[in-house]
Amino acid sequence: MMTLNGKTQLIGLIGWPVSHSFSPAMHNAAAQALGLNWAYVPLPVKPEAVATAVSALSALGFRGVNVTVPHKQAVMPLLDEIEPGAQAIGAVNTIVVGENGRLTGHNTDWSGFLADLQANDIAVANRDCLLLGAGGSARAVAYGLAKSGARVHLLARRREQAEAVLADLRGQLPEAQLTSHLLGELRQVVAQCHAPLIINSTPLGMTPQEDSTPWPVNLPIPEDATVYDLVYNPPHTRLMQQAEAAGCDAYNGLGMLIQQGAQAFALWTGQQPDTAVMATALQQLNA
């Protein structure tokens, strides 16, 4: 049982909204299992109040926060330092507050994504990876895949959006294998790929739009594909159902959520959390 007192160390989540987030349960369970007097709290911050909220973190005694939509890019000019991965991606999902109040931005989305791929024995080196969407999460996933030697095919609604992502990545990873396409060109791109890894980084399929999917219903998913949906609520998305109907392995984003959260937790506390404890906390939320 968590007990809050004058020695409790504060961490949290800023976003708008944050009521749907599973992160508080996951982080508080991890802290409790380690016997740490830390508390992770959701902090709903409207877009116009981001600068005020970030500047107040140190004054309010916070040791750090996660950052979720729509603030992952907006917080960057407000920080004192940004680590290279976050700089390359152009998005911050974790802020560490130093003892002197110095704010450092990190991105654990890309490394958390790769950690979950590894946990599920999903190889990406020299593999065709179809990434649907070009938002903040797509930037992180594309960076992780490119660093791992994958052939990344980024598909977006607007070509200039996809090209902007790839231009930023090429500046950091000049050897990366990156191509951009319109989502309407998905059929042609799929036809050129062998055993692709298909990743959904769009919100399609997320509660309350459980019936939506980024994959056209009239386009078969290749039976040799693997599908990874960053959406984790609901835990079994429409896209995953489409993949399984085609005989493919399908994964949701819960593993990535846990892995990126574990890395953020270690940045704040200096201790490695038990990911099994974090997973159990999430399972209890879904029960």
Protein backbone atom coordinates (compact mmCIF):
# COMPACT_ATOMS: atom_id res chain seq x y z
CA MET A 1 0.00 0.00 0.00
CA MET A 2 1.45 3.32 -1.08
CA THR A 3 1.91 5.90 1.70
CA LEU A 4 2.44 9.52 0.72
CA ASN A 5 4.45 11.72 3.07
CA GLY A 6 6.90 14.60 3.08
CA LYS A 7 9.69 12.36 1.76
CA THR A 8 7.77 11.02 -1.23
CA GLN A 9 9.59 11.61 -4.52
CA LEU A 10 7.30 12.74 -7.34
CA ILE A 11 7.25 11.61 -10.95
CA GLY A 12 4.36 11.79 -13.38
CA LEU A 13 2.89 12.17 -16.84
CA ILE A 14 2.02 15.35 -18.70
CA GLY A 15 -0.34 15.22 -21.67
CA TRP A 16 -3.83 16.19 -22.79
CA PRO A 17 -5.75 14.12 -21.97
CA VAL A 18 -4.10 11.66 -19.56
CA SER A 19 -7.17 9.99 -18.04
CA HIS A 20 -6.76 6.96 -20.31
CA SER A 21 -3.14 6.29 -19.37
CA PHE A 22 -1.98 2.98 -17.87
CA SER A 23 1.36 4.47 -16.80
CA PRO A 24 0.47 5.41 -13.19
CA ALA A 25 -0.47 1.84 -12.28
CA MET A 26 2.65 0.47 -13.96
CA HIS A 27 5.15 2.86 -12.38
CA ASN A 28 3.62 2.85 -8.92
CA ALA A 29 3.67 -0.96 -8.86
CA ALA A 30 7.35 -0.90 -9.88
CA ALA A 31 8.23 1.60 -7.14
CA GLN A 32 6.33 -0.34 -4.51
CA ALA A 33 8.06 -3.61 -5.48
CA LEU A 34 11.45 -1.94 -4.99
CA GLY A 35 10.42 -0.38 -1.67
CA LEU A 36 10.83 3.14 -3.05
CA ASN A 37 8.88 6.05 -1.61
CA TRP A 38 8.03 7.41 -5.06
CA ALA A 39 4.65 8.34 -6.53
CA TYR A 40 3.72 8.65 -10.21
CA VAL A 41 0.80 10.98 -10.85
CA PRO A 42 -1.14 11.93 -14.01
CA LEU A 43 -0.90 15.64 -14.83
CA PRO A 44 -3.47 16.86 -17.39
CA VAL A 45 -1.83 19.86 -19.09
CA LYS A 46 -3.63 21.85 -21.76
CA PRO A 47 -1.52 22.76 -24.81
CA GLU A 48 -1.48 26.45 -23.91
CA ALA A 49 -0.12 25.63 -20.44
CA VAL A 50 2.84 23.43 -21.42
CA ALA A 51 5.51 26.06 -20.79
CA THR A 52 4.08 26.89 -17.37
CA ALA A 53 3.89 23.21 -16.38
CA VAL A 54 7.43 22.32 -17.50
CA SER A 55 8.98 25.36 -15.81
CA ALA A 56 7.20 24.43 -12.56
CA LEU A 57 8.49 20.83 -12.37
CA SER A 58 11.60 21.65 -10.36
CA ALA A 59 9.82 24.11 -8.07
CA LEU A 60 7.17 21.49 -7.26
CA GLY A 61 9.80 18.90 -6.38
CA PHE A 62 9.30 16.56 -9.34
CA ARG A 63 12.20 14.25 -10.23
CA GLY A 64 10.88 13.77 -13.74
CA VAL A 65 7.89 13.17 -15.98
CA ASN A 66 6.83 11.26 -19.02
CA VAL A 67 5.45 13.31 -21.89
CA THR A 68 2.62 12.09 -24.11
CA VAL A 69 0.52 13.56 -26.92
CA PRO A 70 0.25 16.31 -27.88
CA HIS A 71 3.31 17.65 -26.03
CA LYS A 72 6.25 15.49 -27.18
CA GLN A 73 7.58 18.13 -29.55
CA ALA A 74 6.26 21.21 -27.75
CA VAL A 75 8.40 20.56 -24.66
CA MET A 76 11.70 20.49 -26.54
CA PRO A 77 12.45 24.25 -26.61
CA LEU A 78 11.71 24.37 -22.87
CA LEU A 79 14.52 21.99 -21.88
CA ASP A 80 18.15 22.66 -20.97
CA GLU A 81 19.53 19.59 -22.73
CA ILE A 82 18.23 16.94 -25.14
CA GLU A 83 19.95 13.58 -25.59
CA PRO A 84 20.93 12.62 -29.17
CA GLY A 85 18.18 10.05 -29.80
CA ALA A 86 15.43 12.49 -28.86
CA GLN A 87 17.13 15.19 -30.91
CA ALA A 88 17.20 12.94 -33.98
CA ILE A 89 13.60 11.87 -33.53
CA GLY A 90 12.39 15.38 -32.82
CA ALA A 91 10.31 14.27 -29.85
CA VAL A 92 10.79 13.86 -26.08
CA ASN A 93 8.81 11.36 -24.03
CA THR A 94 10.81 11.56 -20.79
CA ILE A 95 12.14 14.53 -18.84
CA VAL A 96 14.65 14.11 -16.01
CA VAL A 97 14.86 16.91 -13.44
CA GLY A 98 18.39 17.19 -12.07
CA GLU A 99 19.20 18.19 -8.50
CA ASN A 100 20.07 21.67 -9.75
CA GLY A 101 16.74 21.91 -11.56
CA ARG A 102 18.32 21.25 -14.96
CA LEU A 103 15.82 19.60 -17.36
CA THR A 104 17.09 16.89 -19.71
CA GLY A 105 14.92 15.40 -22.46
CA HIS A 106 15.12 11.75 -23.49
CA ASN A 107 13.20 9.49 -25.83
CA THR A 108 12.72 5.94 -24.58
CA ASP A 109 10.05 5.09 -27.18
CA TRP A 110 12.54 3.95 -29.82
CA SER A 111 14.65 1.87 -27.44
CA GLY A 112 11.55 0.50 -25.70
CA PHE A 113 10.16 -0.56 -29.08
CA LEU A 114 13.39 -2.35 -29.98
CA ALA A 115 13.53 -4.01 -26.57
CA ASP A 116 10.05 -5.46 -27.08
CA LEU A 117 10.93 -6.68 -30.57
CA GLN A 118 13.93 -8.45 -29.09
CA ALA A 119 11.80 -9.93 -26.30
CA ASN A 120 9.51 -11.41 -28.96
CA ASP A 121 12.39 -12.62 -31.19
CA ILE A 122 11.38 -10.28 -34.03
CA ALA A 123 14.43 -9.56 -36.19
CA VAL A 124 14.57 -6.36 -38.25
CA ALA A 125 18.09 -6.12 -39.74
CA ASN A 126 17.81 -6.01 -43.55
CA ARG A 127 14.06 -6.56 -43.26
CA ASP A 128 11.31 -4.63 -45.03
CA CYS A 129 9.39 -2.70 -42.38
CA LEU A 130 6.16 -0.95 -43.33
CA LEU A 131 5.46 1.88 -40.91
CA LEU A 132 1.94 3.30 -41.07
CA GLY A 133 1.73 6.91 -39.87
CA ALA A 134 4.20 9.79 -39.56
CA GLY A 135 3.51 11.30 -36.12
CA GLY A 136 5.69 11.40 -33.02
CA SER A 137 5.50 7.66 -32.37
CA ALA A 138 6.36 6.91 -36.00
CA ARG A 139 9.46 9.09 -35.69
CA ALA A 140 10.67 7.05 -32.73
CA VAL A 141 9.93 3.71 -34.36
CA ALA A 142 11.55 4.75 -37.65
CA TYR A 143 14.68 5.87 -35.79
CA GLY A 144 14.93 2.57 -33.93
CA LEU A 145 14.38 0.50 -37.07
CA ALA A 146 16.87 2.54 -39.10
CA LYS A 147 19.53 2.24 -36.38
CA SER A 148 18.98 -1.53 -36.49
CA GLY A 149 19.58 -1.77 -40.24
CA ALA A 150 15.98 -2.25 -41.38
CA ARG A 151 14.59 -1.08 -44.71
CA VAL A 152 11.96 1.41 -43.53
CA HIS A 153 9.01 2.22 -45.80
CA LEU A 154 7.13 5.11 -44.18
CA LEU A 155 3.52 5.55 -45.32
CA ALA A 156 1.57 8.71 -44.47
CA ARG A 157 -1.53 10.56 -45.59
CA ARG A 158 0.63 13.42 -46.86
CA ARG A 159 3.92 12.84 -48.64
CA GLU A 160 5.48 16.03 -47.26
CA GLN A 161 4.80 14.79 -43.72
CA ALA A 162 6.63 11.53 -44.41
CA GLU A 163 9.48 13.31 -46.16
CA ALA A 164 9.93 15.67 -43.20
CA VAL A 165 10.39 12.68 -40.88
CA LEU A 166 12.89 11.01 -43.20
CA ALA A 167 14.86 14.23 -43.76
CA ASP A 168 15.41 14.56 -40.00
CA LEU A 169 16.48 10.92 -39.71
CA ARG A 170 18.85 11.08 -42.67
CA GLY A 171 20.63 13.97 -40.98
CA GLN A 172 21.47 11.69 -38.02
CA LEU A 173 21.66 8.32 -39.83
CA PRO A 174 23.05 8.98 -43.34
CA GLU A 175 23.36 5.25 -44.09
CA ALA A 176 19.72 4.54 -43.23
CA GLN A 177 17.50 2.77 -45.79
CA LEU A 178 14.41 5.00 -45.87
CA THR A 179 11.61 5.51 -48.38
CA SER A 180 8.39 7.54 -48.18
CA HIS A 181 5.00 6.71 -49.66
CA LEU A 182 1.37 7.70 -49.46
CA LEU A 183 -0.93 5.39 -47.53
CA GLY A 184 -2.89 5.09 -50.78
CA GLU A 185 0.18 3.37 -52.29
CA LEU A 186 0.15 0.60 -49.69
CA ARG A 187 -0.83 -2.13 -52.16
CA GLN A 188 2.15 -1.39 -54.43
CA VAL A 189 4.59 -1.20 -51.52
CA VAL A 190 3.39 -4.49 -50.02
CA ALA A 191 3.80 -6.24 -53.36
CA GLN A 192 7.52 -5.39 -53.35
CA CYS A 193 8.22 -6.71 -49.84
CA HIS A 194 9.13 -10.15 -48.54
CA ALA A 195 8.11 -11.22 -45.01
CA PRO A 196 7.53 -7.61 -43.93
CA LEU A 197 7.15 -6.30 -40.42
CA ILE A 198 4.05 -4.08 -40.47
CA ILE A 199 3.82 -1.46 -37.71
CA ASN A 200 0.78 0.70 -36.99
CA SER A 201 1.72 4.01 -35.37
CA THR A 202 -1.62 5.69 -36.10
CA PRO A 203 -4.42 5.96 -33.48
CA LEU A 204 -6.78 3.93 -35.68
CA GLY A 205 -8.20 1.06 -33.65
CA MET A 206 -7.68 2.77 -30.28
CA THR A 207 -10.54 3.07 -27.81
CA PRO A 208 -13.16 4.42 -28.48
CA GLN A 209 -12.60 3.68 -32.20
CA GLU A 210 -12.17 -0.06 -31.74
CA ASP A 211 -13.79 -0.88 -35.10
CA SER A 212 -11.32 1.19 -37.13
CA THR A 213 -8.13 -0.12 -38.74
CA PRO A 214 -5.33 1.41 -40.80
CA TRP A 215 -5.24 -1.63 -43.11
CA PRO A 216 -7.71 -1.66 -46.06
CA VAL A 217 -10.23 -4.48 -45.69
CA ASN A 218 -9.88 -5.32 -49.40
CA LEU A 219 -6.09 -5.73 -49.18
CA PRO A 220 -4.90 -9.13 -47.87
CA ILE A 221 -2.13 -9.01 -45.29
CA PRO A 222 0.74 -11.19 -46.59
CA GLU A 223 0.77 -14.51 -44.75
CA ASP A 224 4.52 -14.22 -44.20
CA ALA A 225 4.16 -10.83 -42.47
CA THR A 226 4.42 -9.96 -38.78
CA VAL A 227 2.13 -7.23 -37.45
CA TYR A 228 2.92 -4.91 -34.53
CA ASP A 229 0.21 -2.47 -33.46
CA LEU A 230 1.41 0.31 -31.15
CA VAL A 231 -2.19 0.59 -29.90
CA TYR A 232 -2.67 -1.30 -26.62
CA ASN A 233 -6.18 -0.26 -25.60
CA PRO A 234 -8.05 -2.40 -26.59
CA PRO A 235 -5.44 -5.14 -26.18
CA HIS A 236 -6.70 -7.03 -29.27
CA THR A 237 -7.20 -4.50 -32.04
CA ARG A 238 -9.02 -4.83 -35.34
CA LEU A 239 -5.66 -4.81 -37.14
CA MET A 240 -4.45 -7.70 -34.99
CA GLN A 241 -7.60 -9.61 -35.85
CA GLN A 242 -6.97 -9.01 -39.55
CA ALA A 243 -3.40 -10.26 -39.15
CA GLU A 244 -4.38 -13.40 -37.28
CA ALA A 245 -7.08 -14.16 -39.87
CA ALA A 246 -4.30 -14.05 -42.47
CA GLY A 247 -2.22 -16.50 -40.43
CA CYS A 248 0.27 -13.90 -39.17
CA ASP A 249 1.75 -13.30 -35.74
CA ALA A 250 0.36 -10.10 -34.19
CA TYR A 251 1.46 -8.03 -31.19
CA ASN A 252 0.04 -4.98 -29.44
CA GLY A 253 1.92 -2.05 -27.94
CA LEU A 254 1.76 -3.13 -24.29
CA GLY A 255 5.26 -4.58 -24.41
CA MET A 256 6.64 -1.34 -25.83
CA LEU A 257 4.77 0.63 -23.15
CA ILE A 258 6.37 -1.51 -20.44
CA GLN A 259 9.88 -1.40 -21.91
CA GLN A 260 9.92 2.36 -22.54
CA GLY A 261 8.46 2.89 -19.07
CA ALA A 262 11.12 0.70 -17.47
CA GLN A 263 13.86 2.71 -19.15
CA ALA A 264 12.30 6.01 -18.02
CA PHE A 265 11.95 4.64 -14.47
CA ALA A 266 15.67 3.77 -14.43
CA LEU A 267 16.59 7.27 -15.63
CA TRP A 268 14.64 8.83 -12.75
CA THR A 269 15.46 6.46 -9.90
CA GLY A 270 18.77 4.88 -10.88
CA GLN A 271 17.21 1.46 -10.32
CA GLN A 272 16.01 -1.16 -12.80
CA PRO A 273 12.33 -2.01 -12.24
CA ASP A 274 10.89 -5.51 -12.56
CA THR A 275 9.09 -5.53 -15.92
CA ALA A 276 7.08 -8.56 -14.82
CA VAL A 277 5.64 -6.49 -11.96
CA MET A 278 4.79 -3.72 -14.42
CA ALA A 279 3.12 -6.20 -16.78
CA THR A 280 1.04 -7.66 -13.96
CA ALA A 281 -0.19 -4.18 -13.02
CA LEU A 282 -1.32 -3.62 -16.62
CA GLN A 283 -3.02 -7.02 -16.79
CA GLN A 284 -5.00 -6.18 -13.67
CA LEU A 285 -6.22 -2.98 -15.34
CA ASN A 286 -7.44 -5.02 -18.31
CA ALA A 287 -9.06 -7.72 -16.17
